[in-house]
Structure formats: structure tokens, C-alpha cells
Amino acid sequence: MDIDEVDETLPPIDDQDQPPLTQTENPTPPTEKDRKTRARNRVRPTIINASSTGKTKGKGSSIWDHFTKEDPPPPLIDPNEESPPPKCICNYCGSHFLCDTRKHGTSHLWNHFKKVYELSPFKIDEEKQKTLSFQHVKGGKEGETSLVAVAYNKEACRVSLTQYIVLDEFPFRHVEGEGFKRFVKTLQPRFEIPSRMTVSRDVLKLYKEEKKIIINFCQVVDHKGETIGHEIELCLLDWGISKLFTITVDNASSNDVAIRYLRKQFKEKEKCLIFYGKFLYMRSCAHIVNLMVTEGLKEKHGSIAAIRNVVRFVRSSPARLNFFKERVMQERIECKWLLCLDVPTRWNSTYLTLICAIKFRKAFDRMQIDANYMKYFDEVDKDGKPKEGPPTVDDWDIALELYDLAVDDDEHELLRTMAMNMKLKYDKYWGKLDNCNEALLIAFVLDPRYKLDYLSHCFSATYDVMTCKEMVKRVEKTIQAMFDQYNKTTSSLHPSASMTHQQSTSIVSASSTFVMLVSG
């Protein structure tokens, strides 16, 4: 049988793309039942992250963990014809694909894998599968934990990573460090570490989200009241805020001018201020309390400043800290506490500074033999005055007396003096209703738990009976006036319509009900 006879037996080839005789036809697509049966009988493949396209050592692309190459077809009879391209079959659904890596690549295999993996019986449901973890109990004691089931959340990990970079001020390239990658993969192998460019975009996204919470940060050229007021006005216009109720600032005199500037600007605009700006100026309560505490400690300020300065000297350099530790060893002080420097606006930190310094009193006394230590107190502070210190015996005694005030319930002359100074500062800002923003009291009354009766009870603890009744009556009149203004505003929405008797009666009834509500 020669070649011509063989050619006559072959079927005619009408289409160039038609497969040769030796190439097998694609089988009939398997049914859903066939796929499930095949999946149960097949050895479970290694499941990896669908977005990973890395190389597997000795096996080429890791996509071949999910596809199986078919046996190559037998050689063609006609050597001039192209041999059919190799094919592979999906391990999950049985679909066939061309798999010549030089011509076709593996992108189409990865795209198919990402789709079919969602339906695979081997897929790990990251949202449903949970692990047990010990987490801190919200509102509980320090170290108190509970065992909870936690699910892996890729987005939450991304947000936490972004916050980690921002809070600890790491560069974006930190996520590409080899040590960081090993650490994260040990903690959570499923988490794919983003690149530094992705982290930079996440940080920008976080900034835009947080910016919605904070109106603005802006640089003020000087501390003049009109300059501050103008900058606040620009911020409000930029954010589209046209109505103002209160603005909370501290007690600097320049802020008084800034509030007058804003009140003047917004008064010219219709319906921009509540009650014509009567409640616009809100003094910071935290700042007032801080002023009261500072006033209470003012009489002993010199002793506190002297101890604060010796602590600042020790913590100013490693060499000075080592010198201090040597004095501690010489005095054989067995204390594991560390010296802490207080923050002037946090009086609880002042207490911690004093109590720590008292324990190392002998070490501080021994440091006076050092010339550099004594020379430190000859320097001047920011006000041009010599620094307080080093602490004397009287300074340490006053620190001990302040400590006794915190742990002892007995009355002390020092405590009585401090309380009187604090009361004077309290009366300056909150002693009279004229000095207090009534918006705070109105918010207190509108709380259904308190109302006017409880406000009267609170006033009675500070003021005499007549003053108490006068202040409560004044708050009640202000609330009624605000309610009347609200009625006037709502009725002006339809000025052309005349008010019926029924509507008038309804408003009077609502006013009476409102008075009953605030009165309890």
C-alpha cells in the first residue's frame, strides 16, 4: 500500500483549522454529577492563593497544581503537517485548554482557575472558616481575655497594616523587607503582603477617610483675634458649613476677639446663628478644669518645679542617666520604678513624677557632688529666669505632703488652701450664670434622665436657695424662648397660608407639652 492509496482513504479537508485524523475529538462536557464524582475520587490538590503567579521549584508555574497535561497525541503520518498543540484538563471541572506555554502562556489558565475555584469543593471559605483566639475583653480589667472565634478578613488586615505604617512612622518600603515578609507569613500565610506603592495608596485613602472627621488643620500667620477668626471662617466656607451653634475654644484673650469677629460676620447672614449667636462662645471645660488644678498647685509650684527639673536633667542624655544609676547603686535603692517626666496639662502625671522622685531622693542628693549637675540650675528658662532647683529638704517635705493628700482622707491645711484657690478660679468661669454658656445646661435639661428638677438639685449643692431658684428659672425661660423661635421658624416656611384655629391650638398644646417634659 503506497502513499497515494493512503491519501485516498482520508476524508477531504475543507477547513484548515479542522484537526487531523490522529487528533481526538473533545469529549462531551461532563454533567454536574460527573464532576462531583470525579472530585470525590481525585486526590485533593494543593490549594494556593488565586492571585499568586509565582514559580514552584522544579515544576514551573504553580498553575500545574490545578491542571493536568494530557498525553501527547501520536506522531502524524504526513511530516509536513503541524502537530496539534498540547492540551490540559482542569482538575475541578474537566474543561480542556491549549497549554503550549511558548505560544499560549498560562494567563488563560489562571483566569479560568480564579473563576472555577469559587465553585470548587476544595475551596477554603475564608469568611466561614474561623479559628479560636484570645482577645482582650472590651471594658474589662487589664489582661482580661476571652476565647472567641475569629474569621480571617483580608481587608481588615490591609487596614491594620496601613495603620501600623502610619502610627509607627515606617517608610513604605518597610513592607518589602525580607524580615517583615517572613514575620507576616508566619503569622498569617494567607495574607498577601502589598507592595509599597499599594501601601502608599492605602495611606492616602485612610487620610481622606480621617479627613472627614476633622474639619481642617491650617497654619495661622499670627495670634491676633481677627486673624484666627478669619481662618475659621475660611474653613467653614470651604466645608460648606453655613449654620453655627457653638465654637469651643480655650480662654486666651485673642479667642474673645475671634468670636466677636465670627459673630459679626455670621449675623449679617440670615438664619446662620442660633439665638443671634448667644451661645456661640463655648469655653473649653477641660481647659477650665486644668486652670483650676494649676491654680491649686500654684502655691507649691516652686517645689514641684525643682523636682521636675532634676528629673528632666537625668532624662536629658544617656550619660546623665548612667550617672544617676550609679548613685542609685551606691545608695542601694532597690526600686524597679523608672523616672517619668510629667506633662503640665496632665496633673495626674505630676503626681506620678513626684511619687517616683521621692523613692530616689537619696540618689538625687548624692548627685550634688557633680559640677555639671549644679551648673544645670544656673541656666535660665524660657522666661529668662534661673531654673528652680536642686530640690531642698523643704521641697521634698512638700512633695511628701502632696503625696499624703492623695492617700489620706484626713483634712490638711495645705488641702484647704488649695481648695480655696481652686474655688476662686471656678467662680471666675462658672460661678455665675452670666459666665457660663447656657447651652450646656439646656443639653442637660433635655436629657430625659435629668430635666429641670435634677438641675435644681445640682445647683443647690453650690449656691444658696434664692440663687438656685433664679438660675433654674432663667434656664427655663431660655428653653421656652428657643422653642418659640423654633415655632416661628417652622411657621415661616409657608407664609402665604393663614394659620387656622386648629393649628394655633396645636402650637399652644405643643408648647405646654414641652414645658411639662422639661419640668419633669
Foldseek 3Di string as FASTA:
>chain_A
DDPVVVVVPADDDPDPPDDDPQDDDDDDFDDPVVLVVLLVPDDDFDDADLPDFDADPPPGTPLVSFKAWDDATDDDPDPVDDGDATWIAGSRRGDIDGDPCVPPNCPVSSVVCVVCLVVGPPRDDQVPDWDWDWDDDVPDDPPDTDIDTDGDDQVVVLLVVLVVCVVVVPQLQVLVDPVNVVVVCVVPVRHDRDHSVVSVVSNVVVVVVVCVVPLDDDDQPDLALCSVLVVVVVSCVVVVQQAAEEDEDADDPSVVSSLVNNLVVNLVPPRRYQPSCLQHYAYDPLNLVLVLQCLLCVVLVLLLQLLLVLLCQCPVDPVSVVLLVVLCVVVVQPDPDDADHADSSDVVSSLVNLVVCLSSVSSSVVCVVDPVSVVQQQDADPVRHGGRDNHDPVSNVVSVVVVCVVVPPDDDPSNVSSVVSSVVSCCVQPVAPVNHRLVVVLVVLPPQVAFLVNQLVVVVVPDPPVRSVVVSVVSLVVVLVSLVVVVVVVVVVCVVDDDDPVNVVVSVVVSVVVSVRRHD
